[in-house]
């Protein structure tokens, strides 16, 4: 049996704007087990060990599930 070499851990630092982070922080306050999703572009800075991610989008799995549920719910109007 052949062993697969383990890869070293990579550290990440995410730079997220306050407007985006407030929504994420509120969701995490309600559900601390919620998963954070950050999309952005990576850079390597000499003063930071690891990879710095400049966020273009920040959300959580809970926020995404809520948006999907809202889109799936049809509007009912009385006429």
PDB file of N, CA and C in Angstrom:
ATOM      1  N   UNK A   1       0.846  -1.175   0.000  1.00  0.00           N
ATOM      2  CA  UNK A   1       0.000   0.000   0.000  1.00  0.00           C
ATOM      3  C   UNK A   1       0.893   1.241   0.000  1.00  0.00           C
ATOM      4  N   UNK A   2       0.547   2.193  -0.819  1.00  0.00           N
ATOM      5  CA  UNK A   2       1.354   3.397  -0.956  1.00  0.00           C
ATOM      6  C   UNK A   2       0.753   4.536  -0.132  1.00  0.00           C
ATOM      7  N   UNK A   3       1.592   5.243   0.589  1.00  0.00           N
ATOM      8  CA  UNK A   3       1.121   6.372   1.390  1.00  0.00           C
ATOM      9  C   UNK A   3       1.179   7.652   0.576  1.00  0.00           C
ATOM     10  N   UNK A   4       0.184   8.487   0.792  1.00  0.00           N
ATOM     11  CA  UNK A   4       0.145   9.787   0.129  1.00  0.00           C
ATOM     12  C   UNK A   4       0.732  10.817   1.087  1.00  0.00           C
ATOM     13  N   UNK A   5       1.656  11.594   0.591  1.00  0.00           N
ATOM     14  CA  UNK A   5       2.281  12.619   1.435  1.00  0.00           C
ATOM     15  C   UNK A   5       1.253  13.682   1.799  1.00  0.00           C
ATOM     16  N   UNK A   6       1.266  14.085   3.043  1.00  0.00           N
ATOM     17  CA  UNK A   6       0.341  15.133   3.458  1.00  0.00           C
ATOM     18  C   UNK A   6       0.864  16.495   2.988  1.00  0.00           C
ATOM     19  N   UNK A   7      -0.051  17.368   2.666  1.00  0.00           N
ATOM     20  CA  UNK A   7       0.337  18.703   2.220  1.00  0.00           C
ATOM     21  C   UNK A   7       0.389  19.628   3.427  1.00  0.00           C
ATOM     22  N   UNK A   8       1.265  20.586   3.415  1.00  0.00           N
ATOM     23  CA  UNK A   8       1.349  21.504   4.552  1.00  0.00           C
ATOM     24  C   UNK A   8       0.109  22.393   4.619  1.00  0.00           C
ATOM     25  N   UNK A   9      -0.233  22.799   5.814  1.00  0.00           N
ATOM     26  CA  UNK A   9      -1.385  23.679   6.013  1.00  0.00           C
ATOM     27  C   UNK A   9      -1.066  25.069   5.477  1.00  0.00           C
ATOM     28  N   UNK A  10      -2.038  25.693   4.845  1.00  0.00           N
ATOM     29  CA  UNK A  10      -1.880  27.048   4.346  1.00  0.00           C
ATOM     30  C   UNK A  10      -2.740  27.982   5.180  1.00  0.00           C
ATOM     31  N   UNK A  11      -2.163  29.064   5.651  1.00  0.00           N
ATOM     32  CA  UNK A  11      -2.907  30.061   6.403  1.00  0.00           C
ATOM     33  C   UNK A  11      -3.464  31.100   5.445  1.00  0.00           C
ATOM     34  N   UNK A  12      -4.660  31.598   5.765  1.00  0.00           N
ATOM     35  CA  UNK A  12      -5.310  32.620   4.956  1.00  0.00           C
ATOM     36  C   UNK A  12      -5.692  33.797   5.845  1.00  0.00           C
ATOM     37  N   UNK A  13      -5.576  34.998   5.303  1.00  0.00           N
ATOM     38  CA  UNK A  13      -6.093  36.189   5.961  1.00  0.00           C
ATOM     39  C   UNK A  13      -7.082  36.817   4.985  1.00  0.00           C
ATOM     40  N   UNK A  14      -8.315  37.007   5.417  1.00  0.00           N
ATOM     41  CA  UNK A  14      -9.340  37.571   4.545  1.00  0.00           C
ATOM     42  C   UNK A  14      -9.589  39.020   4.928  1.00  0.00           C
ATOM     43  N   UNK A  15      -9.545  39.891   3.936  1.00  0.00           N
ATOM     44  CA  UNK A  15      -9.855  41.302   4.130  1.00  0.00           C
ATOM     45  C   UNK A  15     -11.261  41.531   3.600  1.00  0.00           C
ATOM     46  N   UNK A  16     -12.204  41.802   4.524  1.00  0.00           N
ATOM     47  CA  UNK A  16     -13.616  41.929   4.170  1.00  0.00           C
ATOM     48  C   UNK A  16     -14.085  43.323   4.577  1.00  0.00           C
ATOM     49  N   UNK A  17     -14.802  43.987   3.690  1.00  0.00           N
ATOM     50  CA  UNK A  17     -15.345  45.310   3.985  1.00  0.00           C
ATOM     51  C   UNK A  17     -16.388  45.241   5.088  1.00  0.00           C
ATOM     52  N   UNK A  18     -16.524  46.314   5.858  1.00  0.00           N
ATOM     53  CA  UNK A  18     -17.463  46.340   6.992  1.00  0.00           C
ATOM     54  C   UNK A  18     -18.909  46.122   6.548  1.00  0.00           C
ATOM     55  N   UNK A  19     -19.300  46.678   5.419  1.00  0.00           N
ATOM     56  CA  UNK A  19     -20.679  46.513   4.948  1.00  0.00           C
ATOM     57  C   UNK A  19     -20.999  45.037   4.730  1.00  0.00           C
ATOM     58  N   UNK A  20     -20.054  44.308   4.130  1.00  0.00           N
ATOM     59  CA  UNK A  20     -20.254  42.878   3.914  1.00  0.00           C
ATOM     60  C   UNK A  20     -20.159  42.102   5.225  1.00  0.00           C
ATOM     61  N   UNK A  21     -19.225  42.482   6.082  1.00  0.00           N
ATOM     62  CA  UNK A  21     -18.992  41.714   7.307  1.00  0.00           C
ATOM     63  C   UNK A  21     -20.149  41.836   8.290  1.00  0.00           C
ATOM     64  N   UNK A  22     -20.835  42.975   8.330  1.00  0.00           N
ATOM     65  CA  UNK A  22     -21.954  43.139   9.277  1.00  0.00           C
ATOM     66  C   UNK A  22     -23.008  42.053   9.076  1.00  0.00           C
ATOM     67  N   UNK A  23     -23.353  41.763   7.822  1.00  0.00           N
ATOM     68  CA  UNK A  23     -24.350  40.720   7.542  1.00  0.00           C
ATOM     69  C   UNK A  23     -23.850  39.357   8.004  1.00  0.00           C
ATOM     70  N   UNK A  24     -22.583  39.079   7.765  1.00  0.00           N
ATOM     71  CA  UNK A  24     -21.992  37.806   8.175  1.00  0.00           C
ATOM     72  C   UNK A  24     -21.962  37.712   9.702  1.00  0.00           C
ATOM     73  N   UNK A  25     -21.559  38.775  10.368  1.00  0.00           N
ATOM     74  CA  UNK A  25     -21.478  38.775  11.831  1.00  0.00           C
ATOM     75  C   UNK A  25     -22.856  38.559  12.458  1.00  0.00           C
ATOM     76  N   UNK A  26     -23.896  39.180  11.888  1.00  0.00           N
ATOM     77  CA  UNK A  26     -25.254  38.987  12.403  1.00  0.00           C
ATOM     78  C   UNK A  26     -25.682  37.528  12.262  1.00  0.00           C
ATOM     79  N   UNK A  27     -25.379  36.924  11.111  1.00  0.00           N
ATOM     80  CA  UNK A  27     -25.742  35.524  10.896  1.00  0.00           C
ATOM     81  C   UNK A  27     -24.990  34.616  11.861  1.00  0.00           C
ATOM     82  N   UNK A  28     -23.720  34.902  12.116  1.00  0.00           N
ATOM     83  CA  UNK A  28     -22.928  34.081  13.037  1.00  0.00           C
ATOM     84  C   UNK A  28     -23.379  34.260  14.486  1.00  0.00           C
ATOM     85  N   UNK A  29     -23.900  35.439  14.817  1.00  0.00           N
ATOM     86  CA  UNK A  29     -24.418  35.659  16.171  1.00  0.00           C
ATOM     87  C   UNK A  29     -25.641  34.777  16.421  1.00  0.00           C
ATOM     88  N   UNK A  30     -26.452  34.570  15.381  1.00  0.00           N
ATOM     89  CA  UNK A  30     -27.640  33.729  15.499  1.00  0.00           C
ATOM     90  C   UNK A  30     -27.249  32.250  15.487  1.00  0.00           C
ATOM     91  N   UNK A  31     -26.315  31.885  14.607  1.00  0.00           N
ATOM     92  CA  UNK A  31     -25.891  30.487  14.477  1.00  0.00           C
ATOM     93  C   UNK A  31     -24.368  30.423  14.366  1.00  0.00           C
ATOM     94  N   UNK A  32     -23.678  30.265  15.495  1.00  0.00           N
ATOM     95  CA  UNK A  32     -22.209  30.230  15.467  1.00  0.00           C
ATOM     96  C   UNK A  32     -21.629  29.073  14.634  1.00  0.00           C
ATOM     97  N   UNK A  33     -22.418  28.044  14.348  1.00  0.00           N
ATOM     98  CA  UNK A  33     -21.940  26.914  13.554  1.00  0.00           C
ATOM     99  C   UNK A  33     -22.099  27.156  12.052  1.00  0.00           C
ATOM    100  N   UNK A  34     -22.693  28.278  11.671  1.00  0.00           N
ATOM    101  CA  UNK A  34     -22.864  28.609  10.252  1.00  0.00           C
ATOM    102  C   UNK A  34     -21.491  28.706   9.586  1.00  0.00           C
ATOM    103  N   UNK A  35     -21.425  28.371   8.323  1.00  0.00           N
ATOM    104  CA  UNK A  35     -20.156  28.395   7.577  1.00  0.00           C
ATOM    105  C   UNK A  35     -20.029  29.698   6.800  1.00  0.00           C
ATOM    106  N   UNK A  36     -18.869  30.328   6.870  1.00  0.00           N
ATOM    107  CA  UNK A  36     -18.595  31.577   6.167  1.00  0.00           C
ATOM    108  C   UNK A  36     -18.061  31.262   4.777  1.00  0.00           C
ATOM    109  N   UNK A  37     -18.565  31.985   3.776  1.00  0.00           N
ATOM    110  CA  UNK A  37     -18.116  31.835   2.395  1.00  0.00           C
ATOM    111  C   UNK A  37     -17.555  33.177   1.947  1.00  0.00           C
ATOM    112  N   UNK A  38     -16.285  33.191   1.597  1.00  0.00           N
ATOM    113  CA  UNK A  38     -15.646  34.426   1.131  1.00  0.00           C
ATOM    114  C   UNK A  38     -15.097  34.180  -0.262  1.00  0.00           C
ATOM    115  N   UNK A  39     -15.512  35.031  -1.191  1.00  0.00           N
ATOM    116  CA  UNK A  39     -14.983  34.981  -2.557  1.00  0.00           C
ATOM    117  C   UNK A  39     -14.157  36.234  -2.776  1.00  0.00           C
ATOM    118  N   UNK A  40     -13.060  36.094  -3.492  1.00  0.00           N
ATOM    119  CA  UNK A  40     -12.213  37.248  -3.741  1.00  0.00           C
ATOM    120  C   UNK A  40     -10.982  36.849  -4.518  1.00  0.00           C
ATOM    121  N   UNK A  41     -10.021  37.720  -4.503  1.00  0.00           N
ATOM    122  CA  UNK A  41      -8.792  37.414  -5.230  1.00  0.00           C
ATOM    123  C   UNK A  41      -7.622  37.333  -4.252  1.00  0.00           C
ATOM    124  N   UNK A  42      -6.761  36.342  -4.479  1.00  0.00           N
ATOM    125  CA  UNK A  42      -5.641  36.120  -3.566  1.00  0.00           C
ATOM    126  C   UNK A  42      -4.432  36.977  -3.925  1.00  0.00           C
ATOM    127  N   UNK A  43      -3.702  37.351  -2.909  1.00  0.00           N
ATOM    128  CA  UNK A  43      -2.421  38.027  -3.100  1.00  0.00           C
ATOM    129  C   UNK A  43      -1.439  37.459  -2.086  1.00  0.00           C
ATOM    130  N   UNK A  44      -0.189  37.616  -2.376  1.00  0.00           N
ATOM    131  CA  UNK A  44       0.865  37.215  -1.449  1.00  0.00           C
ATOM    132  C   UNK A  44       1.565  38.487  -1.007  1.00  0.00           C
ATOM    133  N   UNK A  45       1.569  38.692   0.299  1.00  0.00           N
ATOM    134  CA  UNK A  45       2.219  39.883   0.855  1.00  0.00           C
ATOM    135  C   UNK A  45       3.422  39.446   1.665  1.00  0.00           C
ATOM    136  N   UNK A  46       4.533  40.166   1.549  1.00  0.00           N
ATOM    137  CA  UNK A  46       5.735  39.754   2.280  1.00  0.00           C
ATOM    138  C   UNK A  46       5.586  39.875   3.796  1.00  0.00           C
ATOM    139  N   UNK A  47       4.656  40.717   4.269  1.00  0.00           N
ATOM    140  CA  UNK A  47       4.495  40.896   5.719  1.00  0.00           C
ATOM    141  C   UNK A  47       3.477  39.931   6.329  1.00  0.00           C
ATOM    142  N   UNK A  48       2.879  39.060   5.508  1.00  0.00           N
ATOM    143  CA  UNK A  48       1.869  38.117   5.999  1.00  0.00           C
ATOM    144  C   UNK A  48       2.306  36.699   5.635  1.00  0.00           C
ATOM    145  N   UNK A  49       2.249  35.808   6.610  1.00  0.00           N
ATOM    146  CA  UNK A  49       2.546  34.403   6.346  1.00  0.00           C
ATOM    147  C   UNK A  49       1.272  33.782   5.779  1.00  0.00           C
ATOM    148  N   UNK A  50       1.342  33.238   4.582  1.00  0.00           N
ATOM    149  CA  UNK A  50       0.168  32.628   3.965  1.00  0.00           C
ATOM    150  C   UNK A  50      -0.362  33.481   2.829  1.00  0.00           C
ATOM    151  N   UNK A  51      -1.643  33.321   2.558  1.00  0.00           N
ATOM    152  CA  UNK A  51      -2.291  33.989   1.434  1.00  0.00           C
ATOM    153  C   UNK A  51      -3.308  34.990   1.958  1.00  0.00           C
ATOM    154  N   UNK A  52      -3.289  36.195   1.406  1.00  0.00           N
ATOM    155  CA  UNK A  52      -4.265  37.224   1.749  1.00  0.00           C
ATOM    156  C   UNK A  52      -5.353  37.215   0.677  1.00  0.00           C
ATOM    157  N   UNK A  53      -6.612  37.147   1.112  1.00  0.00           N
ATOM    158  CA  UNK A  53      -7.738  37.165   0.179  1.00  0.00           C
ATOM    159  C   UNK A  53      -8.461  38.497   0.335  1.00  0.00           C
ATOM    160  N   UNK A  54      -8.548  39.245  -0.760  1.00  0.00           N
ATOM    161  CA  UNK A  54      -9.288  40.508  -0.786  1.00  0.00           C
ATOM    162  C   UNK A  54     -10.716  40.168  -1.214  1.00  0.00           C
ATOM    163  N   UNK A  55     -11.648  40.252  -0.282  1.00  0.00           N
ATOM    164  CA  UNK A  55     -13.010  39.789  -0.523  1.00  0.00           C
ATOM    165  C   UNK A  55     -13.755  40.684  -1.505  1.00  0.00           C
ATOM    166  N   UNK A  56     -14.425  40.041  -2.440  1.00  0.00           N
ATOM    167  CA  UNK A  56     -15.369  40.735  -3.312  1.00  0.00           C
ATOM    168  C   UNK A  56     -16.789  40.379  -2.905  1.00  0.00           C
ATOM    169  N   UNK A  57     -16.928  39.292  -2.133  1.00  0.00           N
ATOM    170  CA  UNK A  57     -18.221  38.841  -1.653  1.00  0.00           C
ATOM    171  C   UNK A  57     -18.010  38.059  -0.365  1.00  0.00           C
ATOM    172  N   UNK A  58     -18.889  38.289   0.615  1.00  0.00           N
ATOM    173  CA  UNK A  58     -18.838  37.532   1.868  1.00  0.00           C
ATOM    174  C   UNK A  58     -20.261  37.211   2.299  1.00  0.00           C
ATOM    175  N   UNK A  59     -20.502  35.958   2.640  1.00  0.00           N
ATOM    176  CA  UNK A  59     -21.827  35.520   3.048  1.00  0.00           C
ATOM    177  C   UNK A  59     -21.675  34.271   3.916  1.00  0.00           C
ATOM    178  N   UNK A  60     -22.784  33.654   4.261  1.00  0.00           N
ATOM    179  CA  UNK A  60     -22.759  32.394   4.997  1.00  0.00           C
ATOM    180  C   UNK A  60     -23.692  31.409   4.304  1.00  0.00           C
ATOM    181  N   UNK A  61     -23.553  30.139   4.659  1.00  0.00           N
ATOM    182  CA  UNK A  61     -24.449  29.141   4.080  1.00  0.00           C
ATOM    183  C   UNK A  61     -25.890  29.390   4.515  1.00  0.00           C
ATOM    184  N   UNK A  62     -26.078  29.896   5.718  1.00  0.00           N
ATOM    185  CA  UNK A  62     -27.425  30.204   6.205  1.00  0.00           C
ATOM    186  C   UNK A  62     -28.077  31.342   5.423  1.00  0.00           C
ATOM    187  N   UNK A  63     -27.320  32.382   5.127  1.00  0.00           N
ATOM    188  CA  UNK A  63     -27.845  33.497   4.341  1.00  0.00           C
ATOM    189  C   UNK A  63     -28.222  33.004   2.944  1.00  0.00           C
ATOM    190  N   UNK A  64     -27.369  32.195   2.336  1.00  0.00           N
ATOM    191  CA  UNK A  64     -27.660  31.661   1.007  1.00  0.00           C
ATOM    192  C   UNK A  64     -28.908  30.785   1.019  1.00  0.00           C
ATOM    193  N   UNK A  65     -29.070  29.947   2.037  1.00  0.00           N
ATOM    194  CA  UNK A  65     -30.248  29.082   2.130  1.00  0.00           C
ATOM    195  C   UNK A  65     -31.514  29.924   2.272  1.00  0.00           C
ATOM    196  N   UNK A  66     -31.442  31.003   3.043  1.00  0.00           N
ATOM    197  CA  UNK A  66     -32.594  31.890   3.193  1.00  0.00           C
ATOM    198  C   UNK A  66     -32.981  32.555   1.884  1.00  0.00           C
ATOM    199  N   UNK A  67     -31.991  32.973   1.099  1.00  0.00           N
ATOM    200  CA  UNK A  67     -32.273  33.587  -0.202  1.00  0.00           C
ATOM    201  C   UNK A  67     -32.901  32.575  -1.159  1.00  0.00           C
ATOM    202  N   UNK A  68     -32.390  31.335  -1.156  1.00  0.00           N
ATOM    203  CA  UNK A  68     -32.971  30.307  -2.021  1.00  0.00           C
ATOM    204  C   UNK A  68     -34.414  30.010  -1.626  1.00  0.00           C
ATOM    205  N   UNK A  69     -34.678  29.951  -0.321  1.00  0.00           N
ATOM    206  CA  UNK A  69     -36.038  29.672   0.153  1.00  0.00           C
ATOM    207  C   UNK A  69     -36.988  30.802  -0.230  1.00  0.00           C
ATOM    208  N   UNK A  70     -36.519  32.040  -0.152  1.00  0.00           N
ATOM    209  CA  UNK A  70     -37.351  33.198  -0.516  1.00  0.00           C
ATOM    210  C   UNK A  70     -37.666  33.194  -2.002  1.00  0.00           C
ATOM    211  N   UNK A  71     -36.723  32.775  -2.832  1.00  0.00           N
ATOM    212  CA  UNK A  71     -36.950  32.723  -4.281  1.00  0.00           C
ATOM    213  C   UNK A  71     -37.889  31.582  -4.651  1.00  0.00           C
ATOM    214  N   UNK A  72     -37.873  30.509  -3.871  1.00  0.00           N
ATOM    215  CA  UNK A  72     -38.701  29.344  -4.171  1.00  0.00           C
ATOM    216  C   UNK A  72     -40.140  29.527  -3.725  1.00  0.00           C
ATOM    217  N   UNK A  73     -40.404  30.464  -2.819  1.00  0.00           N
ATOM    218  CA  UNK A  73     -41.750  30.682  -2.298  1.00  0.00           C
ATOM    219  C   UNK A  73     -42.533  31.556  -3.260  1.00  0.00           C
ATOM    220  N   UNK A  74     -43.627  31.029  -3.849  1.00  0.00           N
ATOM    221  CA  UNK A  74     -44.405  31.844  -4.771  1.00  0.00           C
ATOM    222  C   UNK A  74     -45.222  32.882  -4.012  1.00  0.00           C
ATOM    223  N   UNK A  75     -45.402  34.021  -4.634  1.00  0.00           N
ATOM    224  CA  UNK A  75     -46.215  35.068  -4.041  1.00  0.00           C
ATOM    225  C   UNK A  75     -47.693  34.747  -4.286  1.00  0.00           C
ATOM    226  N   UNK A  76     -48.491  34.859  -3.247  1.00  0.00           N
ATOM    227  CA  UNK A  76     -49.920  34.599  -3.360  1.00  0.00           C
ATOM    228  C   UNK A  76     -50.641  35.927  -3.206  1.00  0.00           C
ATOM    229  N   UNK A  77     -51.449  36.244  -4.193  1.00  0.00           N
ATOM    230  CA  UNK A  77     -52.227  37.492  -4.118  1.00  0.00           C
ATOM    231  C   UNK A  77     -53.710  37.170  -4.149  1.00  0.00           C
ATOM    232  N   UNK A  78     -54.450  37.964  -3.415  1.00  0.00           N
ATOM    233  CA  UNK A  78     -55.917  37.795  -3.408  1.00  0.00           C
ATOM    234  C   UNK A  78     -56.500  38.839  -4.347  1.00  0.00           C
ATOM    235  N   UNK A  79     -57.421  38.398  -5.170  1.00  0.00           N
ATOM    236  CA  UNK A  79     -57.944  39.315  -6.172  1.00  0.00           C
ATOM    237  C   UNK A  79     -59.353  39.622  -6.074  1.00  0.00           C
TER     238      UNK A  79
END
